[in-house]
Amino acid sequence: MKTRKQAAIELQPIYNSMEVRKNTIATLMRKLWFDGTNWRCNGIGYDYTI
């Protein structure tokens, strides 16, 4: 299972290429939540699953 930090590092390039506002890894770590099996993040235009 990935840690929150590993998921944020993997998600950052995808998130920053798809969203208008760019985020740092620290911001993504705050936005990520665990649903029991996957790390999830809600963006403005998309929902991301890691």
PDB file of N, CA and C in Angstrom:
ATOM      1  N   MET A   1       0.837  -1.177   0.000  1.00  0.00           N
ATOM      2  CA  MET A   1       0.000   0.000   0.000  1.00  0.00           C
ATOM      3  C   MET A   1       0.885   1.246   0.000  1.00  0.00           C
ATOM      4  N   LYS A   2       0.482   2.239  -0.759  1.00  0.00           N
ATOM      5  CA  LYS A   2       1.240   3.483  -0.839  1.00  0.00           C
ATOM      6  C   LYS A   2       0.961   4.352   0.377  1.00  0.00           C
ATOM      7  N   THR A   3       1.957   5.135   0.727  1.00  0.00           N
ATOM      8  CA  THR A   3       1.755   6.126   1.776  1.00  0.00           C
ATOM      9  C   THR A   3       1.141   7.378   1.147  1.00  0.00           C
ATOM     10  N   ARG A   4       0.703   8.283   1.994  1.00  0.00           N
ATOM     11  CA  ARG A   4       0.132   9.542   1.507  1.00  0.00           C
ATOM     12  C   ARG A   4       1.170  10.320   0.692  1.00  0.00           C
ATOM     13  N   LYS A   5       2.423  10.316   1.150  1.00  0.00           N
ATOM     14  CA  LYS A   5       3.475  11.056   0.450  1.00  0.00           C
ATOM     15  C   LYS A   5       3.765  10.438  -0.912  1.00  0.00           C
ATOM     16  N   GLN A   6       3.835   9.112  -0.997  1.00  0.00           N
ATOM     17  CA  GLN A   6       4.075   8.450  -2.274  1.00  0.00           C
ATOM     18  C   GLN A   6       2.951   8.752  -3.263  1.00  0.00           C
ATOM     19  N   ALA A   7       1.717   8.745  -2.787  1.00  0.00           N
ATOM     20  CA  ALA A   7       0.577   9.051  -3.653  1.00  0.00           C
ATOM     21  C   ALA A   7       0.635  10.496  -4.137  1.00  0.00           C
ATOM     22  N   ALA A   8       1.017  11.431  -3.261  1.00  0.00           N
ATOM     23  CA  ALA A   8       1.106  12.844  -3.645  1.00  0.00           C
ATOM     24  C   ALA A   8       2.203  13.062  -4.679  1.00  0.00           C
ATOM     25  N   ILE A   9       3.339  12.400  -4.515  1.00  0.00           N
ATOM     26  CA  ILE A   9       4.443  12.529  -5.475  1.00  0.00           C
ATOM     27  C   ILE A   9       4.026  11.988  -6.838  1.00  0.00           C
ATOM     28  N   GLU A  10       3.291  10.884  -6.855  1.00  0.00           N
ATOM     29  CA  GLU A  10       2.832  10.298  -8.106  1.00  0.00           C
ATOM     30  C   GLU A  10       1.743  11.151  -8.766  1.00  0.00           C
ATOM     31  N   LEU A  11       0.899  11.766  -7.969  1.00  0.00           N
ATOM     32  CA  LEU A  11      -0.229  12.532  -8.495  1.00  0.00           C
ATOM     33  C   LEU A  11       0.154  13.930  -8.968  1.00  0.00           C
ATOM     34  N   GLN A  12       1.184  14.537  -8.410  1.00  0.00           N
ATOM     35  CA  GLN A  12       1.488  15.947  -8.682  1.00  0.00           C
ATOM     36  C   GLN A  12       1.636  16.283 -10.171  1.00  0.00           C
ATOM     37  N   PRO A  13       2.430  15.551 -10.972  1.00  0.00           N
ATOM     38  CA  PRO A  13       2.540  15.941 -12.392  1.00  0.00           C
ATOM     39  C   PRO A  13       1.213  15.820 -13.141  1.00  0.00           C
ATOM     40  N   ILE A  14       0.423  14.811 -12.806  1.00  0.00           N
ATOM     41  CA  ILE A  14      -0.878  14.630 -13.459  1.00  0.00           C
ATOM     42  C   ILE A  14      -1.817  15.761 -13.060  1.00  0.00           C
ATOM     43  N   TYR A  15      -1.889  16.043 -11.763  1.00  0.00           N
ATOM     44  CA  TYR A  15      -2.769  17.088 -11.243  1.00  0.00           C
ATOM     45  C   TYR A  15      -2.409  18.447 -11.837  1.00  0.00           C
ATOM     46  N   ASN A  16      -1.126  18.788 -11.840  1.00  0.00           N
ATOM     47  CA  ASN A  16      -0.706  20.100 -12.328  1.00  0.00           C
ATOM     48  C   ASN A  16      -0.894  20.258 -13.839  1.00  0.00           C
ATOM     49  N   SER A  17      -0.898  19.171 -14.591  1.00  0.00           N
ATOM     50  CA  SER A  17      -1.130  19.283 -16.028  1.00  0.00           C
ATOM     51  C   SER A  17      -2.617  19.398 -16.362  1.00  0.00           C
ATOM     52  N   MET A  18      -3.491  18.946 -15.465  1.00  0.00           N
ATOM     53  CA  MET A  18      -4.929  18.942 -15.741  1.00  0.00           C
ATOM     54  C   MET A  18      -5.676  20.112 -15.104  1.00  0.00           C
ATOM     55  N   GLU A  19      -5.170  20.659 -14.016  1.00  0.00           N
ATOM     56  CA  GLU A  19      -5.880  21.709 -13.280  1.00  0.00           C
ATOM     57  C   GLU A  19      -5.296  23.084 -13.586  1.00  0.00           C
ATOM     58  N   VAL A  20      -6.105  24.119 -13.400  1.00  0.00           N
ATOM     59  CA  VAL A  20      -5.686  25.493 -13.661  1.00  0.00           C
ATOM     60  C   VAL A  20      -4.692  25.957 -12.607  1.00  0.00           C
ATOM     61  N   ARG A  21      -5.003  25.719 -11.337  1.00  0.00           N
ATOM     62  CA  ARG A  21      -4.116  26.125 -10.241  1.00  0.00           C
ATOM     63  C   ARG A  21      -3.137  25.003  -9.941  1.00  0.00           C
ATOM     64  N   LYS A  22      -1.868  25.319  -9.930  1.00  0.00           N
ATOM     65  CA  LYS A  22      -0.824  24.332  -9.657  1.00  0.00           C
ATOM     66  C   LYS A  22      -0.657  24.168  -8.151  1.00  0.00           C
ATOM     67  N   ASN A  23      -0.377  22.954  -7.708  1.00  0.00           N
ATOM     68  CA  ASN A  23      -0.215  22.655  -6.290  1.00  0.00           C
ATOM     69  C   ASN A  23       1.141  22.034  -6.015  1.00  0.00           C
ATOM     70  N   THR A  24       1.630  22.242  -4.796  1.00  0.00           N
ATOM     71  CA  THR A  24       2.858  21.593  -4.357  1.00  0.00           C
ATOM     72  C   THR A  24       2.507  20.228  -3.778  1.00  0.00           C
ATOM     73  N   ILE A  25       3.527  19.440  -3.507  1.00  0.00           N
ATOM     74  CA  ILE A  25       3.309  18.122  -2.916  1.00  0.00           C
ATOM     75  C   ILE A  25       2.660  18.254  -1.539  1.00  0.00           C
ATOM     76  N   ALA A  26       3.073  19.264  -0.760  1.00  0.00           N
ATOM     77  CA  ALA A  26       2.495  19.459   0.578  1.00  0.00           C
ATOM     78  C   ALA A  26       0.999  19.753   0.500  1.00  0.00           C
ATOM     79  N   THR A  27       0.588  20.549  -0.471  1.00  0.00           N
ATOM     80  CA  THR A  27      -0.834  20.853  -0.625  1.00  0.00           C
ATOM     81  C   THR A  27      -1.604  19.606  -1.031  1.00  0.00           C
ATOM     82  N   LEU A  28      -1.041  18.825  -1.942  1.00  0.00           N
ATOM     83  CA  LEU A  28      -1.709  17.590  -2.351  1.00  0.00           C
ATOM     84  C   LEU A  28      -1.813  16.611  -1.189  1.00  0.00           C
ATOM     85  N   MET A  29      -0.808  16.564  -0.341  1.00  0.00           N
ATOM     86  CA  MET A  29      -0.864  15.666   0.815  1.00  0.00           C
ATOM     87  C   MET A  29      -2.021  16.046   1.733  1.00  0.00           C
ATOM     88  N   ARG A  30      -2.311  17.333   1.857  1.00  0.00           N
ATOM     89  CA  ARG A  30      -3.447  17.768   2.676  1.00  0.00           C
ATOM     90  C   ARG A  30      -4.778  17.437   2.010  1.00  0.00           C
ATOM     91  N   LYS A  31      -4.823  17.466   0.676  1.00  0.00           N
ATOM     92  CA  LYS A  31      -6.073  17.239  -0.045  1.00  0.00           C
ATOM     93  C   LYS A  31      -6.410  15.757  -0.218  1.00  0.00           C
ATOM     94  N   LEU A  32      -5.412  14.881  -0.132  1.00  0.00           N
ATOM     95  CA  LEU A  32      -5.642  13.451  -0.335  1.00  0.00           C
ATOM     96  C   LEU A  32      -6.396  12.843   0.837  1.00  0.00           C
ATOM     97  N   TRP A  33      -7.294  11.922   0.533  1.00  0.00           N
ATOM     98  CA  TRP A  33      -7.977  11.157   1.570  1.00  0.00           C
ATOM     99  C   TRP A  33      -8.049   9.702   1.128  1.00  0.00           C
ATOM    100  N   PHE A  34      -8.097   8.804   2.102  1.00  0.00           N
ATOM    101  CA  PHE A  34      -8.047   7.359   1.860  1.00  0.00           C
ATOM    102  C   PHE A  34      -9.451   6.792   2.012  1.00  0.00           C
ATOM    103  N   ASP A  35      -9.932   6.084   0.999  1.00  0.00           N
ATOM    104  CA  ASP A  35     -11.289   5.542   1.043  1.00  0.00           C
ATOM    105  C   ASP A  35     -11.342   4.078   1.465  1.00  0.00           C
ATOM    106  N   GLY A  36     -10.234   3.536   1.913  1.00  0.00           N
ATOM    107  CA  GLY A  36     -10.180   2.140   2.326  1.00  0.00           C
ATOM    108  C   GLY A  36      -9.308   1.300   1.415  1.00  0.00           C
ATOM    109  N   THR A  37      -9.287   1.641   0.117  1.00  0.00           N
ATOM    110  CA  THR A  37      -8.438   0.916  -0.829  1.00  0.00           C
ATOM    111  C   THR A  37      -7.585   1.847  -1.686  1.00  0.00           C
ATOM    112  N   ASN A  38      -8.046   3.070  -1.929  1.00  0.00           N
ATOM    113  CA  ASN A  38      -7.354   4.006  -2.823  1.00  0.00           C
ATOM    114  C   ASN A  38      -7.198   5.370  -2.170  1.00  0.00           C
ATOM    115  N   TRP A  39      -6.165   6.094  -2.610  1.00  0.00           N
ATOM    116  CA  TRP A  39      -6.020   7.500  -2.233  1.00  0.00           C
ATOM    117  C   TRP A  39      -6.804   8.310  -3.244  1.00  0.00           C
ATOM    118  N   ARG A  40      -7.576   9.279  -2.784  1.00  0.00           N
ATOM    119  CA  ARG A  40      -8.414  10.094  -3.660  1.00  0.00           C
ATOM    120  C   ARG A  40      -8.155  11.574  -3.428  1.00  0.00           C
ATOM    121  N   CYS A  41      -8.362  12.352  -4.483  1.00  0.00           N
ATOM    122  CA  CYS A  41      -8.208  13.803  -4.413  1.00  0.00           C
ATOM    123  C   CYS A  41      -9.246  14.417  -5.347  1.00  0.00           C
ATOM    124  N   ASN A  42      -9.960  15.407  -4.872  1.00  0.00           N
ATOM    125  CA  ASN A  42     -10.943  16.104  -5.693  1.00  0.00           C
ATOM    126  C   ASN A  42     -10.345  17.405  -6.184  1.00  0.00           C
ATOM    127  N   GLY A  43     -10.285  17.539  -7.502  1.00  0.00           N
ATOM    128  CA  GLY A  43      -9.815  18.773  -8.104  1.00  0.00           C
ATOM    129  C   GLY A  43     -10.995  19.622  -8.537  1.00  0.00           C
ATOM    130  N   ILE A  44     -10.713  20.714  -9.215  1.00  0.00           N
ATOM    131  CA  ILE A  44     -11.790  21.588  -9.677  1.00  0.00           C
ATOM    132  C   ILE A  44     -12.525  20.949 -10.855  1.00  0.00           C
ATOM    133  N   GLY A  45     -11.782  20.377 -11.780  1.00  0.00           N
ATOM    134  CA  GLY A  45     -12.408  19.795 -12.958  1.00  0.00           C
ATOM    135  C   GLY A  45     -12.480  18.279 -12.948  1.00  0.00           C
ATOM    136  N   TYR A  46     -11.667  17.636 -12.123  1.00  0.00           N
ATOM    137  CA  TYR A  46     -11.567  16.179 -12.155  1.00  0.00           C
ATOM    138  C   TYR A  46     -11.443  15.620 -10.742  1.00  0.00           C
ATOM    139  N   ASP A  47     -11.778  14.346 -10.602  1.00  0.00           N
ATOM    140  CA  ASP A  47     -11.523  13.607  -9.370  1.00  0.00           C
ATOM    141  C   ASP A  47     -10.425  12.597  -9.681  1.00  0.00           C
ATOM    142  N   TYR A  48      -9.437  12.507  -8.812  1.00  0.00           N
ATOM    143  CA  TYR A  48      -8.264  11.674  -9.056  1.00  0.00           C
ATOM    144  C   TYR A  48      -8.231  10.514  -8.077  1.00  0.00           C
ATOM    145  N   THR A  49      -7.845   9.335  -8.565  1.00  0.00           N
ATOM    146  CA  THR A  49      -7.685   8.144  -7.739  1.00  0.00           C
ATOM    147  C   THR A  49      -6.285   7.602  -7.958  1.00  0.00           C
ATOM    148  N   ILE A  50      -5.562   7.376  -6.868  1.00  0.00           N
ATOM    149  CA  ILE A  50      -4.208   6.821  -6.945  1.00  0.00           C
ATOM    150  C   ILE A  50      -4.217   5.473  -6.243  1.00  0.00           C
TER     151      ILE A  50
END
